[in-house]
PDB file of N, CA and C in Angstrom:
ATOM      1  N   MET A   1       0.981  -1.213  -0.148  1.00  0.00           N
ATOM      2  CA  MET A   1       0.124  -0.176   0.152  1.00  0.00           C
ATOM      3  C   MET A   1       1.103   1.220  -0.288  1.00  0.00           C
ATOM      4  N   VAL A   2       2.197   0.977   0.843  1.00  0.00           N
ATOM      5  CA  VAL A   2       2.956   2.676   1.034  1.00  0.00           C
ATOM      6  C   VAL A   2       3.638   3.048  -0.946  1.00  0.00           C
ATOM      7  N   ALA A   3       4.079   1.909  -1.586  1.00  0.00           N
ATOM      8  CA  ALA A   3       4.474   2.249  -2.649  1.00  0.00           C
ATOM      9  C   ALA A   3       3.719   2.402  -3.211  1.00  0.00           C
ATOM     10  N   VAL A   4       2.320   1.939  -3.765  1.00  0.00           N
ATOM     11  CA  VAL A   4       1.115   2.572  -4.369  1.00  0.00           C
ATOM     12  C   VAL A   4       0.734   3.665  -4.012  1.00  0.00           C
ATOM     13  N   HIS A   5       0.917   4.303  -2.782  1.00  0.00           N
ATOM     14  CA  HIS A   5       0.440   5.925  -2.438  1.00  0.00           C
ATOM     15  C   HIS A   5       2.156   6.877  -2.962  1.00  0.00           C
ATOM     16  N   ALA A   6       3.064   6.278  -2.821  1.00  0.00           N
ATOM     17  CA  ALA A   6       4.196   6.909  -2.967  1.00  0.00           C
ATOM     18  C   ALA A   6       3.962   6.938  -4.900  1.00  0.00           C
ATOM     19  N   ARG A   7       3.645   6.490  -5.465  1.00  0.00           N
ATOM     20  CA  ARG A   7       3.851   5.990  -6.873  1.00  0.00           C
ATOM     21  C   ARG A   7       2.460   7.352  -7.329  1.00  0.00           C
ATOM     22  N   HIS A   8       1.295   7.359  -6.681  1.00  0.00           N
ATOM     23  CA  HIS A   8       0.771   8.199  -6.894  1.00  0.00           C
ATOM     24  C   HIS A   8       0.848   9.783  -6.544  1.00  0.00           C
ATOM     25  N   ALA A   9       1.529  10.065  -5.623  1.00  0.00           N
ATOM     26  CA  ALA A   9       1.733  11.058  -5.031  1.00  0.00           C
ATOM     27  C   ALA A   9       2.656  11.823  -5.813  1.00  0.00           C
ATOM     28  N   VAL A  10       3.815  11.138  -6.189  1.00  0.00           N
ATOM     29  CA  VAL A  10       4.609  11.727  -7.075  1.00  0.00           C
ATOM     30  C   VAL A  10       4.019  11.879  -8.784  1.00  0.00           C
ATOM     31  N   PHE A  11       3.371  11.324  -9.056  1.00  0.00           N
ATOM     32  CA  PHE A  11       2.409  11.132 -10.375  1.00  0.00           C
ATOM     33  C   PHE A  11       1.673  12.353 -10.121  1.00  0.00           C
ATOM     34  N   GLN A  12       1.013  12.609  -9.502  1.00  0.00           N
ATOM     35  CA  GLN A  12       0.180  13.632  -8.711  1.00  0.00           C
ATOM     36  C   GLN A  12       1.002  15.065  -8.856  1.00  0.00           C
ATOM     37  N   ALA A  13       1.990  15.105  -8.195  1.00  0.00           N
ATOM     38  CA  ALA A  13       2.637  15.894  -8.288  1.00  0.00           C
ATOM     39  C   ALA A  13       3.503  16.920  -9.325  1.00  0.00           C
ATOM     40  N   LEU A  14       3.674  15.533 -10.178  1.00  0.00           N
ATOM     41  CA  LEU A  14       4.321  16.297 -11.715  1.00  0.00           C
ATOM     42  C   LEU A  14       3.164  16.361 -12.433  1.00  0.00           C
ATOM     43  N   ALA A  15       2.439  15.959 -12.815  1.00  0.00           N
ATOM     44  CA  ALA A  15       1.098  16.176 -13.159  1.00  0.00           C
ATOM     45  C   ALA A  15       0.667  17.521 -13.125  1.00  0.00           C
ATOM     46  N   ALA A  16       0.923  18.526 -11.997  1.00  0.00           N
ATOM     47  CA  ALA A  16       0.416  19.769 -11.405  1.00  0.00           C
ATOM     48  C   ALA A  16       1.368  20.640 -12.412  1.00  0.00           C
ATOM     49  N   VAL A  17       2.692  20.246 -12.802  1.00  0.00           N
ATOM     50  CA  VAL A  17       3.380  21.470 -13.174  1.00  0.00           C
ATOM     51  C   VAL A  17       3.134  21.257 -14.813  1.00  0.00           C
ATOM     52  N   PRO A  18       3.293  22.685 -15.215  1.00  0.00           N
ATOM     53  CA  PRO A  18       3.191  23.229 -16.432  1.00  0.00           C
ATOM     54  C   PRO A  18       3.700  22.943 -17.720  1.00  0.00           C
ATOM     55  N   GLY A  19       3.467  22.267 -18.321  1.00  0.00           N
ATOM     56  CA  GLY A  19       4.059  21.626 -19.225  1.00  0.00           C
ATOM     57  C   GLY A  19       3.783  20.086 -19.677  1.00  0.00           C
ATOM     58  N   ILE A  20       3.718  19.495 -18.692  1.00  0.00           N
ATOM     59  CA  ILE A  20       3.842  17.620 -18.818  1.00  0.00           C
ATOM     60  C   ILE A  20       2.418  17.381 -19.370  1.00  0.00           C
ATOM     61  N   LEU A  21       3.198  16.786 -20.413  1.00  0.00           N
ATOM     62  CA  LEU A  21       1.819  16.169 -21.346  1.00  0.00           C
ATOM     63  C   LEU A  21       1.516  14.529 -20.558  1.00  0.00           C
ATOM     64  N   ARG A  22       2.379  13.944 -20.596  1.00  0.00           N
ATOM     65  CA  ARG A  22       2.269  12.454 -19.796  1.00  0.00           C
ATOM     66  C   ARG A  22       3.035  12.312 -18.487  1.00  0.00           C
ATOM     67  N   ALA A  23       3.145  11.246 -17.609  1.00  0.00           N
ATOM     68  CA  ALA A  23       4.182  10.972 -16.832  1.00  0.00           C
ATOM     69  C   ALA A  23       3.509   9.654 -16.500  1.00  0.00           C
ATOM     70  N   ASP A  24       4.855   8.785 -16.731  1.00  0.00           N
ATOM     71  CA  ASP A  24       4.572   7.448 -16.472  1.00  0.00           C
ATOM     72  C   ASP A  24       5.718   7.108 -15.106  1.00  0.00           C
ATOM     73  N   VAL A  25       5.283   6.917 -13.967  1.00  0.00           N
ATOM     74  CA  VAL A  25       5.574   7.176 -12.681  1.00  0.00           C
ATOM     75  C   VAL A  25       5.691   5.131 -12.139  1.00  0.00           C
ATOM     76  N   GLU A  26       6.800   4.855 -11.661  1.00  0.00           N
ATOM     77  CA  GLU A  26       7.868   4.047 -11.270  1.00  0.00           C
ATOM     78  C   GLU A  26       8.501   4.043  -9.870  1.00  0.00           C
ATOM     79  N   LEU A  27       8.057   2.710  -8.976  1.00  0.00           N
ATOM     80  CA  LEU A  27       9.271   3.219  -7.588  1.00  0.00           C
ATOM     81  C   LEU A  27      10.852   3.617  -8.368  1.00  0.00           C
ATOM     82  N   GLY A  28      11.344   4.738  -8.106  1.00  0.00           N
ATOM     83  CA  GLY A  28      12.209   4.946  -7.884  1.00  0.00           C
ATOM     84  C   GLY A  28      12.772   5.968  -9.644  1.00  0.00           C
ATOM     85  N   ARG A  29      11.886   5.498 -10.434  1.00  0.00           N
ATOM     86  CA  ARG A  29      12.049   6.197 -11.430  1.00  0.00           C
ATOM     87  C   ARG A  29      10.651   6.870 -12.189  1.00  0.00           C
ATOM     88  N   ALA A  30      10.542   7.834 -13.053  1.00  0.00           N
ATOM     89  CA  ALA A  30       9.688   8.849 -13.986  1.00  0.00           C
ATOM     90  C   ALA A  30       9.824   8.862 -14.972  1.00  0.00           C
ATOM     91  N   GLU A  31       8.962   8.735 -16.212  1.00  0.00           N
ATOM     92  CA  GLU A  31       9.547   9.076 -17.521  1.00  0.00           C
ATOM     93  C   GLU A  31       8.317  10.291 -17.915  1.00  0.00           C
ATOM     94  N   LEU A  32       8.802  11.212 -18.501  1.00  0.00           N
ATOM     95  CA  LEU A  32       7.882  12.390 -19.036  1.00  0.00           C
ATOM     96  C   LEU A  32       7.889  12.513 -20.059  1.00  0.00           C
ATOM     97  N   GLU A  33       6.629  13.593 -20.709  1.00  0.00           N
ATOM     98  CA  GLU A  33       6.554  13.878 -21.884  1.00  0.00           C
ATOM     99  C   GLU A  33       6.021  15.391 -21.443  1.00  0.00           C
ATOM    100  N   CYS A  34       6.856  16.081 -22.224  1.00  0.00           N
ATOM    101  CA  CYS A  34       6.712  17.391 -22.482  1.00  0.00           C
ATOM    102  C   CYS A  34       6.320  18.098 -23.303  1.00  0.00           C
ATOM    103  N   ALA A  35       5.436  19.341 -23.576  1.00  0.00           N
ATOM    104  CA  ALA A  35       5.111  20.045 -24.406  1.00  0.00           C
ATOM    105  C   ALA A  35       5.918  21.061 -24.551  1.00  0.00           C
ATOM    106  N   ASP A  36       6.873  22.032 -23.634  1.00  0.00           N
ATOM    107  CA  ASP A  36       7.841  22.440 -23.921  1.00  0.00           C
ATOM    108  C   ASP A  36       8.939  22.514 -22.812  1.00  0.00           C
ATOM    109  N   ALA A  37       9.970  22.980 -22.757  1.00  0.00           N
ATOM    110  CA  ALA A  37      10.769  22.701 -22.017  1.00  0.00           C
ATOM    111  C   ALA A  37      10.430  23.358 -20.605  1.00  0.00           C
ATOM    112  N   VAL A  38      10.651  22.237 -19.794  1.00  0.00           N
ATOM    113  CA  VAL A  38      10.277  22.080 -18.528  1.00  0.00           C
ATOM    114  C   VAL A  38      11.489  22.621 -17.710  1.00  0.00           C
ATOM    115  N   GLU A  39      11.471  23.415 -16.597  1.00  0.00           N
ATOM    116  CA  GLU A  39      12.661  23.858 -16.078  1.00  0.00           C
ATOM    117  C   GLU A  39      12.778  22.319 -14.589  1.00  0.00           C
ATOM    118  N   GLU A  40      14.408  22.240 -14.963  1.00  0.00           N
ATOM    119  CA  GLU A  40      14.779  21.110 -13.706  1.00  0.00           C
ATOM    120  C   GLU A  40      14.092  21.370 -12.382  1.00  0.00           C
ATOM    121  N   VAL A  41      14.395  22.753 -11.836  1.00  0.00           N
ATOM    122  CA  VAL A  41      13.768  23.134 -10.708  1.00  0.00           C
ATOM    123  C   VAL A  41      12.420  23.154 -10.438  1.00  0.00           C
ATOM    124  N   ALA A  42      11.546  23.629 -10.973  1.00  0.00           N
ATOM    125  CA  ALA A  42      10.080  22.867 -11.411  1.00  0.00           C
ATOM    126  C   ALA A  42       9.896  21.416 -10.657  1.00  0.00           C
ATOM    127  N   LEU A  43      10.705  20.673 -11.440  1.00  0.00           N
ATOM    128  CA  LEU A  43      10.094  19.323 -11.344  1.00  0.00           C
ATOM    129  C   LEU A  43      10.573  18.791  -9.882  1.00  0.00           C
ATOM    130  N   ARG A  44      11.922  19.415  -9.359  1.00  0.00           N
ATOM    131  CA  ARG A  44      12.491  19.218  -8.145  1.00  0.00           C
ATOM    132  C   ARG A  44      11.469  19.576  -7.141  1.00  0.00           C
ATOM    133  N   GLU A  45      10.898  20.770  -7.383  1.00  0.00           N
ATOM    134  CA  GLU A  45      10.033  21.209  -6.340  1.00  0.00           C
ATOM    135  C   GLU A  45       8.688  20.802  -6.127  1.00  0.00           C
ATOM    136  N   ALA A  46       7.824  20.292  -7.528  1.00  0.00           N
ATOM    137  CA  ALA A  46       7.092  19.102  -7.122  1.00  0.00           C
ATOM    138  C   ALA A  46       7.353  17.937  -6.088  1.00  0.00           C
ATOM    139  N   ILE A  47       8.485  17.417  -6.490  1.00  0.00           N
ATOM    140  CA  ILE A  47       8.551  16.401  -6.213  1.00  0.00           C
ATOM    141  C   ILE A  47       8.702  16.053  -4.616  1.00  0.00           C
ATOM    142  N   GLU A  48       9.470  17.231  -4.157  1.00  0.00           N
ATOM    143  CA  GLU A  48       9.657  17.505  -2.631  1.00  0.00           C
ATOM    144  C   GLU A  48       8.662  18.230  -2.388  1.00  0.00           C
ATOM    145  N   ALA A  49       7.780  18.417  -2.701  1.00  0.00           N
ATOM    146  CA  ALA A  49       6.473  19.188  -1.868  1.00  0.00           C
ATOM    147  C   ALA A  49       5.808  17.535  -2.040  1.00  0.00           C
ATOM    148  N   ALA A  50       5.948  16.851  -2.799  1.00  0.00           N
ATOM    149  CA  ALA A  50       5.214  15.596  -2.365  1.00  0.00           C
ATOM    150  C   ALA A  50       5.766  14.445  -1.343  1.00  0.00           C
ATOM    151  N   GLY A  51       6.908  14.794  -0.605  1.00  0.00           N
ATOM    152  CA  GLY A  51       8.022  14.208   0.087  1.00  0.00           C
ATOM    153  C   GLY A  51       9.172  13.592  -0.244  1.00  0.00           C
ATOM    154  N   PHE A  52       9.618  13.421  -1.685  1.00  0.00           N
ATOM    155  CA  PHE A  52      10.750  12.883  -1.925  1.00  0.00           C
ATOM    156  C   PHE A  52      11.624  13.818  -2.509  1.00  0.00           C
ATOM    157  N   THR A  53      12.667  12.745  -2.961  1.00  0.00           N
ATOM    158  CA  THR A  53      13.586  13.818  -3.797  1.00  0.00           C
ATOM    159  C   THR A  53      14.139  13.385  -5.039  1.00  0.00           C
ATOM    160  N   LEU A  54      14.336  14.518  -5.866  1.00  0.00           N
ATOM    161  CA  LEU A  54      14.633  14.094  -7.452  1.00  0.00           C
ATOM    162  C   LEU A  54      16.733  13.709  -7.080  1.00  0.00           C
ATOM    163  N   ARG A  55      16.895  13.126  -7.830  1.00  0.00           N
ATOM    164  CA  ARG A  55      18.151  12.472  -7.753  1.00  0.00           C
ATOM    165  C   ARG A  55      19.038  12.682  -8.599  1.00  0.00           C
ATOM    166  N   GLU A  56      18.205  12.418  -9.927  1.00  0.00           N
ATOM    167  CA  GLU A  56      18.564  12.907 -11.493  1.00  0.00           C
ATOM    168  C   GLU A  56      17.692  13.519 -12.248  1.00  0.00           C
ATOM    169  N   CYS A  57      18.317  14.198 -13.045  1.00  0.00           N
ATOM    170  CA  CYS A  57      17.632  14.677 -13.929  1.00  0.00           C
ATOM    171  C   CYS A  57      18.051  14.808 -15.399  1.00  0.00           C
ATOM    172  N   ARG A  58      17.549  13.866 -16.248  1.00  0.00           N
ATOM    173  CA  ARG A  58      18.123  13.578 -18.020  1.00  0.00           C
ATOM    174  C   ARG A  58      17.128  14.105 -19.148  1.00  0.00           C
ATOM    175  N   VAL A  59      17.461  14.592 -19.810  1.00  0.00           N
ATOM    176  CA  VAL A  59      16.914  14.880 -21.258  1.00  0.00           C
ATOM    177  C   VAL A  59      17.538  14.114 -22.084  1.00  0.00           C
ATOM    178  N   LEU A  60      15.910  13.344 -22.875  1.00  0.00           N
ATOM    179  CA  LEU A  60      16.799  12.199 -23.545  1.00  0.00           C
ATOM    180  C   LEU A  60      15.835  13.020 -24.905  1.00  0.00           C
ATOM    181  N   PRO A  61      16.255  12.347 -26.155  1.00  0.00           N
ATOM    182  CA  PRO A  61      16.046  12.760 -27.751  1.00  0.00           C
ATOM    183  C   PRO A  61      14.580  12.327 -27.560  1.00  0.00           C
ATOM    184  N   ARG A  62      13.870  12.507 -28.342  1.00  0.00           N
ATOM    185  CA  ARG A  62      12.758  12.477 -28.776  1.00  0.00           C
ATOM    186  C   ARG A  62      12.702  11.307 -29.758  1.00  0.00           C
ATOM    187  N   MET A  63      11.969  10.182 -29.614  1.00  0.00           N
ATOM    188  CA  MET A  63      11.523   9.521 -30.574  1.00  0.00           C
ATOM    189  C   MET A  63      10.697   9.605 -31.708  1.00  0.00           C
ATOM    190  N   LEU A  64      10.822   9.558 -33.267  1.00  0.00           N
ATOM    191  CA  LEU A  64       9.759  10.627 -33.807  1.00  0.00           C
ATOM    192  C   LEU A  64       9.407   8.679 -34.908  1.00  0.00           C
ATOM    193  N   PRO A  65       8.238   8.249 -34.697  1.00  0.00           N
ATOM    194  CA  PRO A  65       8.331   7.169 -35.691  1.00  0.00           C
ATOM    195  C   PRO A  65       8.406   7.499 -37.186  1.00  0.00           C
ATOM    196  N   MET A  66       9.070   6.137 -37.252  1.00  0.00           N
ATOM    197  CA  MET A  66       9.164   5.586 -38.766  1.00  0.00           C
ATOM    198  C   MET A  66       8.088   5.593 -39.487  1.00  0.00           C
ATOM    199  N   LEU A  67       8.093   6.411 -40.611  1.00  0.00           N
ATOM    200  CA  LEU A  67       7.199   6.416 -41.797  1.00  0.00           C
ATOM    201  C   LEU A  67       7.383   5.584 -42.868  1.00  0.00           C
TER     202      LEU A  67
END
């Protein structure tokens, strides 16, 4: 029950950050899709407000589908 609560708390916190289109949250990691550039500080503040710590933030290139 605690793990499900933690996952949901982080999801809700990230979903409230402007520019976040999608958030896949698992224990220990989250993958986000953003409409615009989202500042790392906004992500860090949202996660810390939920009671957790952001250890690392990496920007990955967006993969476009092959036609």
